[in-house]
N, C-alpha and C. Protein backbone atom coordinates (compact mmCIF):
# COMPACT_ATOMS: atom_id res chain seq x y z
N MET A 1 -12.06 -19.64 10.32
CA MET A 1 -12.77 -19.02 11.46
C MET A 1 -12.84 -17.45 11.04
N ILE A 2 -14.18 -16.97 11.36
CA ILE A 2 -14.54 -15.61 11.08
C ILE A 2 -14.56 -14.98 12.26
N ALA A 3 -14.12 -13.71 12.69
CA ALA A 3 -14.16 -12.95 13.76
C ALA A 3 -14.86 -11.65 13.31
N ILE A 4 -16.11 -11.30 14.11
CA ILE A 4 -16.84 -10.15 13.73
C ILE A 4 -17.09 -9.12 14.75
N SER A 5 -16.84 -7.98 14.51
CA SER A 5 -17.01 -6.92 15.60
C SER A 5 -18.04 -6.04 14.91
N LEU A 6 -19.16 -5.97 15.18
CA LEU A 6 -20.17 -5.14 14.57
C LEU A 6 -20.33 -3.81 15.62
N ARG A 7 -19.88 -3.97 16.44
CA ARG A 7 -19.65 -2.69 17.30
C ARG A 7 -18.71 -1.76 16.65
N PRO A 8 -19.00 -0.42 16.74
CA PRO A 8 -17.92 0.41 15.94
C PRO A 8 -16.62 0.11 16.81
N VAL A 9 -15.52 0.20 16.09
CA VAL A 9 -14.26 0.22 16.64
C VAL A 9 -13.79 1.64 16.79
N GLU A 10 -13.73 2.49 15.69
CA GLU A 10 -13.57 3.90 15.74
C GLU A 10 -14.59 4.27 15.05
N ARG A 11 -15.44 5.38 15.67
CA ARG A 11 -16.31 6.20 14.91
C ARG A 11 -17.09 5.67 13.72
N ASN A 12 -17.88 4.83 14.10
CA ASN A 12 -18.77 3.99 12.91
C ASN A 12 -17.84 3.04 12.25
N TRP A 13 -16.83 2.52 12.49
CA TRP A 13 -16.16 1.44 11.82
C TRP A 13 -16.37 0.14 12.50
N ARG A 14 -16.55 -0.84 11.74
CA ARG A 14 -16.81 -2.22 12.00
C ARG A 14 -15.86 -3.01 11.38
N THR A 15 -15.41 -4.03 11.92
CA THR A 15 -14.30 -4.87 11.68
C THR A 15 -14.88 -6.48 11.40
N ILE A 16 -14.25 -7.19 10.41
CA ILE A 16 -14.47 -8.51 10.11
C ILE A 16 -13.11 -9.07 9.92
N SER A 17 -12.69 -10.27 10.49
CA SER A 17 -11.27 -10.91 10.02
C SER A 17 -11.54 -12.24 10.01
N PHE A 18 -10.67 -12.85 8.99
CA PHE A 18 -10.98 -14.37 8.70
C PHE A 18 -9.44 -14.92 8.26
N ALA A 19 -9.47 -16.04 8.38
CA ALA A 19 -8.46 -17.07 8.01
C ALA A 19 -8.37 -17.00 6.54
N SER A 20 -7.32 -16.91 5.83
CA SER A 20 -7.23 -16.96 4.56
C SER A 20 -8.05 -17.99 3.85
N THR A 21 -9.08 -17.91 3.17
CA THR A 21 -9.79 -18.57 2.45
C THR A 21 -10.32 -17.92 1.20
N LEU A 22 -10.99 -18.96 0.15
CA LEU A 22 -11.68 -18.42 -0.88
C LEU A 22 -13.44 -18.61 -0.52
N TYR A 23 -13.65 -19.26 0.62
CA TYR A 23 -14.97 -19.44 0.87
C TYR A 23 -15.44 -17.85 1.59
N LEU A 24 -15.98 -17.13 0.59
CA LEU A 24 -16.15 -15.67 1.03
C LEU A 24 -17.55 -15.35 1.01
N CYS A 25 -18.59 -16.26 0.66
CA CYS A 25 -20.14 -15.75 0.53
C CYS A 25 -20.50 -15.21 2.03
N PRO A 26 -20.31 -15.80 3.09
CA PRO A 26 -20.71 -15.26 4.37
C PRO A 26 -20.27 -13.70 4.64
N ILE A 27 -18.88 -13.58 4.15
CA ILE A 27 -18.16 -12.32 4.34
C ILE A 27 -18.87 -11.30 3.53
N LEU A 28 -18.95 -11.68 2.37
CA LEU A 28 -19.49 -10.90 1.51
C LEU A 28 -20.93 -10.34 1.73
N ASP A 29 -21.88 -11.30 2.23
CA ASP A 29 -23.23 -11.10 2.67
C ASP A 29 -23.18 -9.92 3.75
N LEU A 30 -22.26 -10.08 4.85
CA LEU A 30 -22.21 -8.99 5.79
C LEU A 30 -21.50 -7.63 5.14
N LEU A 31 -20.55 -7.74 4.42
CA LEU A 31 -20.03 -6.50 3.90
C LEU A 31 -21.00 -5.71 2.98
N VAL A 32 -22.01 -6.20 2.25
CA VAL A 32 -22.98 -5.50 1.36
C VAL A 32 -24.20 -5.38 1.87
N GLU A 33 -24.36 -5.82 3.23
CA GLU A 33 -25.99 -5.75 3.66
C GLU A 33 -26.35 -4.24 3.95
N GLN A 34 -25.59 -3.31 3.92
CA GLN A 34 -25.90 -1.93 4.07
C GLN A 34 -26.02 -1.02 2.82
N ILE A 35 -25.50 -1.86 1.76
CA ILE A 35 -25.61 -1.15 0.46
C ILE A 35 -26.96 -1.02 -0.35
N PRO A 36 -27.32 0.06 -0.93
CA PRO A 36 -28.48 -0.01 -1.48
C PRO A 36 -28.57 -1.24 -2.48
N ARG A 37 -29.90 -1.87 -2.70
CA ARG A 37 -29.90 -3.06 -3.31
C ARG A 37 -29.65 -2.92 -4.72
N LYS A 38 -29.82 -1.97 -5.52
CA LYS A 38 -29.30 -1.69 -6.83
C LYS A 38 -27.97 -1.68 -7.07
N TRP A 39 -27.10 -1.44 -6.10
CA TRP A 39 -25.73 -1.38 -5.95
C TRP A 39 -25.09 -2.58 -5.41
N GLN A 40 -25.85 -3.62 -4.86
CA GLN A 40 -25.19 -4.75 -4.12
C GLN A 40 -24.32 -5.67 -5.15
N PRO A 41 -24.88 -5.98 -6.28
CA PRO A 41 -24.27 -6.99 -7.19
C PRO A 41 -22.78 -6.51 -7.60
N GLU A 42 -22.73 -5.18 -8.05
CA GLU A 42 -21.66 -4.71 -8.57
C GLU A 42 -20.58 -4.43 -7.21
N ILE A 43 -20.86 -3.98 -6.14
CA ILE A 43 -20.02 -3.85 -5.10
C ILE A 43 -19.59 -5.22 -4.45
N ARG A 44 -20.47 -6.21 -4.51
CA ARG A 44 -20.30 -7.44 -4.05
C ARG A 44 -18.85 -8.01 -5.17
N LEU A 45 -19.06 -7.83 -6.22
CA LEU A 45 -18.12 -8.44 -7.38
C LEU A 45 -16.72 -7.75 -6.94
N GLY A 46 -16.98 -6.46 -6.75
CA GLY A 46 -15.40 -5.75 -6.37
C GLY A 46 -14.94 -6.12 -5.24
N LEU A 47 -15.76 -6.13 -4.01
CA LEU A 47 -15.15 -6.68 -2.92
C LEU A 47 -14.65 -7.96 -2.82
N GLN A 48 -15.46 -9.08 -3.71
CA GLN A 48 -14.86 -10.35 -4.09
C GLN A 48 -13.43 -10.24 -4.52
N GLU A 49 -13.37 -9.56 -5.53
CA GLU A 49 -12.09 -9.47 -6.15
C GLU A 49 -11.06 -9.03 -5.20
N ALA A 50 -11.33 -8.07 -4.30
CA ALA A 50 -10.20 -7.35 -3.47
C ALA A 50 -9.93 -8.56 -2.34
N LEU A 51 -10.94 -9.22 -1.82
CA LEU A 51 -10.71 -10.17 -0.70
C LEU A 51 -9.97 -11.61 -1.43
N VAL A 52 -10.37 -11.85 -2.46
CA VAL A 52 -9.72 -12.99 -3.29
C VAL A 52 -8.25 -12.42 -3.39
N ASN A 53 -7.74 -11.36 -3.89
CA ASN A 53 -6.43 -11.12 -3.96
C ASN A 53 -5.85 -10.98 -2.55
N ALA A 54 -6.49 -10.64 -1.40
CA ALA A 54 -5.79 -10.66 -0.19
C ALA A 54 -5.44 -11.89 0.37
N ALA A 55 -6.48 -12.81 0.10
CA ALA A 55 -6.17 -14.23 0.74
C ALA A 55 -5.26 -15.11 -0.18
N LYS A 56 -5.59 -14.88 -1.55
CA LYS A 56 -4.90 -15.68 -2.52
C LYS A 56 -3.45 -15.28 -2.89
N HIS A 57 -3.32 -13.90 -3.28
CA HIS A 57 -2.04 -13.41 -3.43
C HIS A 57 -1.16 -12.92 -2.40
N GLY A 58 -1.91 -12.23 -1.39
CA GLY A 58 -1.36 -11.53 -0.19
C GLY A 58 -0.90 -12.67 0.76
N ASN A 59 -1.82 -13.61 1.34
CA ASN A 59 -1.60 -14.47 2.36
C ASN A 59 -1.17 -15.87 1.58
N ASN A 60 -1.32 -16.08 0.52
CA ASN A 60 -1.06 -17.32 -0.15
C ASN A 60 -1.89 -18.39 0.27
N LEU A 61 -3.07 -18.18 0.61
CA LEU A 61 -4.15 -18.89 1.28
C LEU A 61 -3.53 -19.86 2.56
N ASP A 62 -2.62 -19.14 3.21
CA ASP A 62 -2.05 -19.63 4.46
C ASP A 62 -3.19 -19.53 5.65
N PRO A 63 -3.79 -20.77 6.09
CA PRO A 63 -4.82 -20.60 7.14
C PRO A 63 -4.34 -19.98 8.37
N THR A 64 -2.95 -19.78 8.64
CA THR A 64 -2.51 -19.13 9.77
C THR A 64 -2.44 -17.66 9.76
N LYS A 65 -2.68 -17.07 8.46
CA LYS A 65 -2.71 -15.62 8.26
C LYS A 65 -4.10 -15.30 8.07
N THR A 66 -4.43 -13.93 8.50
CA THR A 66 -5.72 -13.50 8.35
C THR A 66 -5.93 -12.46 7.18
N VAL A 67 -7.06 -12.07 6.84
CA VAL A 67 -7.52 -10.87 6.22
C VAL A 67 -8.35 -10.16 6.95
N MET A 68 -8.24 -8.90 7.22
CA MET A 68 -8.87 -8.03 8.13
C MET A 68 -9.66 -7.02 7.21
N VAL A 69 -10.76 -6.89 7.32
CA VAL A 69 -11.72 -5.71 6.50
C VAL A 69 -12.47 -4.88 7.77
N HIS A 70 -12.10 -3.58 7.73
CA HIS A 70 -12.84 -2.50 8.45
C HIS A 70 -13.69 -1.89 7.43
N PHE A 71 -15.06 -1.48 7.79
CA PHE A 71 -15.95 -1.10 6.97
C PHE A 71 -16.72 0.04 7.54
N SER A 72 -17.13 1.14 6.90
CA SER A 72 -18.08 2.14 7.35
C SER A 72 -18.65 2.84 6.36
N VAL A 73 -19.74 3.52 6.85
CA VAL A 73 -20.52 4.33 5.85
C VAL A 73 -20.41 5.76 6.71
N ILE A 74 -20.11 6.58 5.92
CA ILE A 74 -19.80 8.12 6.30
C ILE A 74 -20.41 8.88 5.29
N ASN A 75 -21.83 9.58 5.66
CA ASN A 75 -22.51 10.30 4.82
C ASN A 75 -22.73 9.43 3.66
N ASP A 76 -22.53 9.67 2.22
CA ASP A 76 -23.00 9.08 1.20
C ASP A 76 -21.52 8.19 0.65
N GLU A 77 -20.76 8.01 1.56
CA GLU A 77 -19.50 7.23 1.20
C GLU A 77 -19.59 6.08 1.78
N TYR A 78 -19.24 4.95 1.22
CA TYR A 78 -19.07 3.45 1.59
C TYR A 78 -17.41 3.09 1.57
N TRP A 79 -16.92 2.81 2.75
CA TRP A 79 -15.53 2.75 2.82
C TRP A 79 -15.11 1.35 3.29
N TRP A 80 -14.22 0.53 2.50
CA TRP A 80 -13.59 -0.62 3.18
C TRP A 80 -12.13 -0.51 2.99
N ILE A 81 -11.55 -1.09 4.25
CA ILE A 81 -10.05 -1.02 4.22
C ILE A 81 -9.65 -2.67 4.43
N ILE A 82 -9.13 -3.29 3.66
CA ILE A 82 -8.66 -4.48 3.31
C ILE A 82 -7.32 -4.68 3.68
N SER A 83 -6.78 -5.51 4.76
CA SER A 83 -5.46 -5.80 4.95
C SER A 83 -5.10 -7.41 4.97
N ASP A 84 -3.96 -7.52 4.48
CA ASP A 84 -3.45 -9.12 4.44
C ASP A 84 -2.10 -8.92 5.22
N GLN A 85 -1.59 -10.09 5.52
CA GLN A 85 -0.36 -10.36 6.21
C GLN A 85 0.77 -10.89 5.22
N GLY A 86 0.54 -10.66 4.01
CA GLY A 86 1.61 -11.17 3.13
C GLY A 86 2.88 -9.99 3.02
N CYS A 87 3.63 -10.43 2.11
CA CYS A 87 4.89 -9.51 1.86
C CYS A 87 4.48 -8.19 0.98
N GLY A 88 3.36 -7.89 0.69
CA GLY A 88 2.92 -6.62 -0.08
C GLY A 88 3.08 -6.84 -1.60
N PHE A 89 2.65 -5.81 -2.22
CA PHE A 89 2.79 -5.79 -3.61
C PHE A 89 2.87 -4.36 -4.32
N SER A 90 3.43 -4.21 -5.40
CA SER A 90 3.56 -2.95 -5.94
C SER A 90 2.31 -3.06 -7.06
N PRO A 91 1.19 -2.08 -7.12
CA PRO A 91 0.32 -2.12 -8.05
C PRO A 91 0.83 -1.68 -9.51
N PRO A 92 0.60 -2.30 -10.40
CA PRO A 92 1.07 -1.85 -11.87
C PRO A 92 0.23 -0.57 -12.09
N CYS A 93 1.00 0.12 -13.05
CA CYS A 93 0.24 1.18 -13.60
C CYS A 93 -0.50 0.84 -14.87
N LEU A 94 -1.85 0.79 -14.71
CA LEU A 94 -2.98 0.29 -15.66
C LEU A 94 -3.26 1.27 -16.43
N PRO A 95 -3.58 1.15 -17.74
CA PRO A 95 -4.20 2.04 -18.57
C PRO A 95 -5.62 2.35 -18.20
N LYS A 96 -5.92 3.45 -18.59
CA LYS A 96 -7.44 3.96 -18.21
C LYS A 96 -8.32 2.95 -19.25
N GLN A 97 -9.52 2.99 -18.97
CA GLN A 97 -10.42 2.35 -19.85
C GLN A 97 -10.43 3.00 -21.12
N ASP A 98 -10.77 2.20 -22.17
CA ASP A 98 -11.03 2.76 -23.59
C ASP A 98 -12.25 3.46 -23.85
N SER A 99 -12.49 4.37 -24.70
CA SER A 99 -13.66 5.32 -24.92
C SER A 99 -14.93 4.52 -24.69
N GLN A 100 -14.99 3.35 -24.97
CA GLN A 100 -16.22 2.47 -24.88
C GLN A 100 -16.40 2.21 -23.53
N GLY A 101 -15.50 2.43 -22.60
CA GLY A 101 -15.58 1.97 -21.26
C GLY A 101 -15.24 0.48 -20.86
N SER A 102 -14.83 -0.23 -21.87
CA SER A 102 -14.75 -1.68 -21.68
C SER A 102 -13.34 -2.06 -20.97
N LEU A 103 -13.23 -3.18 -20.44
CA LEU A 103 -11.96 -3.44 -19.74
C LEU A 103 -10.76 -3.81 -21.01
N PRO A 104 -9.58 -3.82 -20.66
CA PRO A 104 -8.57 -4.14 -21.40
C PRO A 104 -8.53 -5.55 -21.67
N VAL A 105 -8.01 -6.14 -22.84
CA VAL A 105 -7.99 -7.46 -23.12
C VAL A 105 -6.59 -7.77 -22.74
N ASP A 106 -6.53 -8.69 -21.96
CA ASP A 106 -4.95 -9.08 -21.67
C ASP A 106 -4.99 -10.84 -21.43
N GLU A 107 -4.56 -11.47 -22.47
CA GLU A 107 -4.51 -12.66 -22.52
C GLU A 107 -4.11 -13.51 -21.24
N SER A 108 -3.10 -12.89 -20.50
CA SER A 108 -2.74 -13.52 -19.27
C SER A 108 -3.60 -13.30 -18.14
N GLU A 109 -4.66 -12.35 -18.26
CA GLU A 109 -5.60 -11.82 -17.25
C GLU A 109 -4.96 -11.12 -16.10
N SER A 110 -3.62 -10.93 -16.11
CA SER A 110 -2.91 -10.34 -15.16
C SER A 110 -3.29 -8.81 -15.01
N GLY A 111 -4.00 -8.31 -13.94
CA GLY A 111 -4.09 -7.08 -14.00
C GLY A 111 -5.65 -6.72 -14.11
N ARG A 112 -6.42 -7.73 -14.64
CA ARG A 112 -7.78 -7.55 -14.88
C ARG A 112 -8.65 -7.26 -13.67
N GLY A 113 -8.24 -8.03 -12.54
CA GLY A 113 -8.90 -7.62 -11.30
C GLY A 113 -8.62 -6.17 -10.72
N LEU A 114 -7.71 -5.73 -11.11
CA LEU A 114 -7.32 -4.36 -10.63
C LEU A 114 -8.02 -3.37 -11.41
N CYS A 115 -8.03 -3.69 -12.75
CA CYS A 115 -8.94 -2.90 -13.57
C CYS A 115 -10.44 -2.94 -13.17
N LEU A 116 -10.85 -4.09 -12.87
CA LEU A 116 -12.35 -4.26 -12.29
C LEU A 116 -12.53 -3.29 -11.07
N LEU A 117 -11.56 -3.23 -10.09
CA LEU A 117 -11.73 -2.55 -9.30
C LEU A 117 -11.65 -0.99 -9.40
N ARG A 118 -11.05 -0.57 -10.37
CA ARG A 118 -11.07 0.80 -10.88
C ARG A 118 -12.26 1.13 -11.41
N GLN A 119 -13.10 0.33 -12.18
CA GLN A 119 -14.36 0.36 -12.66
C GLN A 119 -15.41 0.71 -11.75
N ILE A 120 -15.29 -0.07 -10.62
CA ILE A 120 -16.38 -0.28 -9.50
C ILE A 120 -16.43 0.88 -8.45
N PHE A 121 -15.16 1.07 -7.88
CA PHE A 121 -14.91 2.00 -6.75
C PHE A 121 -14.51 3.24 -7.18
N ASP A 122 -14.92 4.54 -6.51
CA ASP A 122 -14.59 5.70 -6.92
C ASP A 122 -13.14 6.12 -6.59
N GLN A 123 -12.72 5.49 -5.42
CA GLN A 123 -11.32 5.72 -4.76
C GLN A 123 -10.60 4.49 -4.57
N ILE A 124 -9.54 4.21 -4.74
CA ILE A 124 -8.74 3.22 -4.61
C ILE A 124 -7.35 3.58 -4.09
N HIS A 125 -6.88 2.96 -2.97
CA HIS A 125 -5.58 3.44 -2.42
C HIS A 125 -4.97 2.42 -1.73
N TRP A 126 -3.66 1.97 -2.01
CA TRP A 126 -2.79 1.11 -1.41
C TRP A 126 -1.82 1.89 -0.46
N ASN A 127 -1.57 1.06 0.81
CA ASN A 127 -0.48 1.57 1.72
C ASN A 127 0.95 1.36 0.74
N LEU A 128 1.77 2.09 1.45
CA LEU A 128 3.26 1.98 0.82
C LEU A 128 3.69 0.32 0.82
N GLN A 129 3.26 -0.25 1.84
CA GLN A 129 3.91 -1.63 1.66
C GLN A 129 2.97 -2.65 0.79
N GLY A 130 1.92 -2.17 0.41
CA GLY A 130 1.10 -3.03 -0.64
C GLY A 130 0.27 -4.03 0.27
N THR A 131 0.15 -3.94 1.50
CA THR A 131 -0.59 -4.91 2.27
C THR A 131 -2.00 -4.51 2.64
N GLU A 132 -2.42 -3.18 2.23
CA GLU A 132 -3.55 -2.50 2.74
C GLU A 132 -4.26 -1.97 1.64
N LEU A 133 -5.42 -2.38 1.30
CA LEU A 133 -6.31 -1.52 0.07
C LEU A 133 -7.43 -0.82 0.94
N ARG A 134 -7.41 0.45 0.34
CA ARG A 134 -8.77 1.27 0.89
C ARG A 134 -9.63 1.52 -0.38
N LEU A 135 -10.87 1.16 -0.18
CA LEU A 135 -11.89 1.37 -1.35
C LEU A 135 -12.88 2.26 -0.74
N CYS A 136 -13.38 3.10 -1.79
CA CYS A 136 -14.63 3.93 -1.56
C CYS A 136 -15.55 4.02 -2.53
N LYS A 137 -16.65 3.86 -2.22
CA LYS A 137 -17.79 4.12 -3.29
C LYS A 137 -18.77 5.24 -2.69
N GLN A 138 -18.91 6.19 -3.49
CA GLN A 138 -19.71 7.41 -3.14
C GLN A 138 -21.18 7.03 -3.98
N MET A 139 -22.15 7.35 -3.01
CA MET A 139 -23.43 7.03 -3.56
C MET A 139 -24.20 8.39 -3.35
N ASN A 140 -24.46 9.08 -4.40
CA ASN A 140 -25.18 10.33 -3.96
C ASN A 140 -26.13 10.61 -5.42
N SER A 141 -26.48 11.68 -5.55
CA SER A 141 -27.51 12.06 -6.67
C SER A 141 -26.77 12.00 -7.82
N ARG A 142 -25.27 12.32 -7.75
CA ARG A 142 -24.43 12.40 -9.13
C ARG A 142 -23.80 11.19 -9.43
N SER A 143 -23.97 10.13 -8.69
CA SER A 143 -23.19 8.87 -8.92
C SER A 143 -23.72 8.23 -10.36
N ARG A 144 -22.97 7.67 -10.99
CA ARG A 144 -23.42 6.88 -12.06
C ARG A 144 -24.09 5.84 -11.81
N LEU A 145 -24.97 5.20 -12.77
CA LEU A 145 -25.81 4.08 -12.68
C LEU A 145 -24.87 2.67 -12.59
N PRO A 146 -25.38 1.71 -11.51
CA PRO A 146 -24.59 0.56 -11.49
C PRO A 146 -24.18 -0.11 -13.04
N LEU A 147 -22.93 -0.75 -13.01
CA LEU A 147 -22.66 -1.39 -14.22
C LEU A 147 -23.55 -2.89 -14.21
N ILE A 148 -23.83 -3.09 -13.17
CA ILE A 148 -24.54 -4.70 -13.18
C ILE A 148 -25.78 -4.09 -12.80
N PRO A 149 -26.93 -4.35 -13.89
CA PRO A 149 -28.24 -4.07 -13.39
C PRO A 149 -28.93 -5.06 -12.68
């Protein structure tokens, strides 16, 4: 089940909540519809990673638990706050990208998604409990070009 509030909850913020699932296409469609077209594939990939982490790792795909997403556009900044009902997690310290800008090679693939988030978004913050992730993408004249053409 998906619950959507497209009316501003607080000052231009909108909310989507859904039962833990990996069927994310309609949710991602809603979350990227206001994004400039050239940025949509990259932002969609990053949001998909964050939502999968919340549903799968946070809520253990428990359909009785929900993932909530608050999102807003403030000036040239696009914000998403993703929260789950899991036990929380402590993000590891990940190495910065190498000089070529490529993702680190990790045979277990653990941490690869977090590295991807750092590549895509300009700001990434977790709450102290590790159950809420805040993502920001700045789109202004000084922004880099999209990673995914």
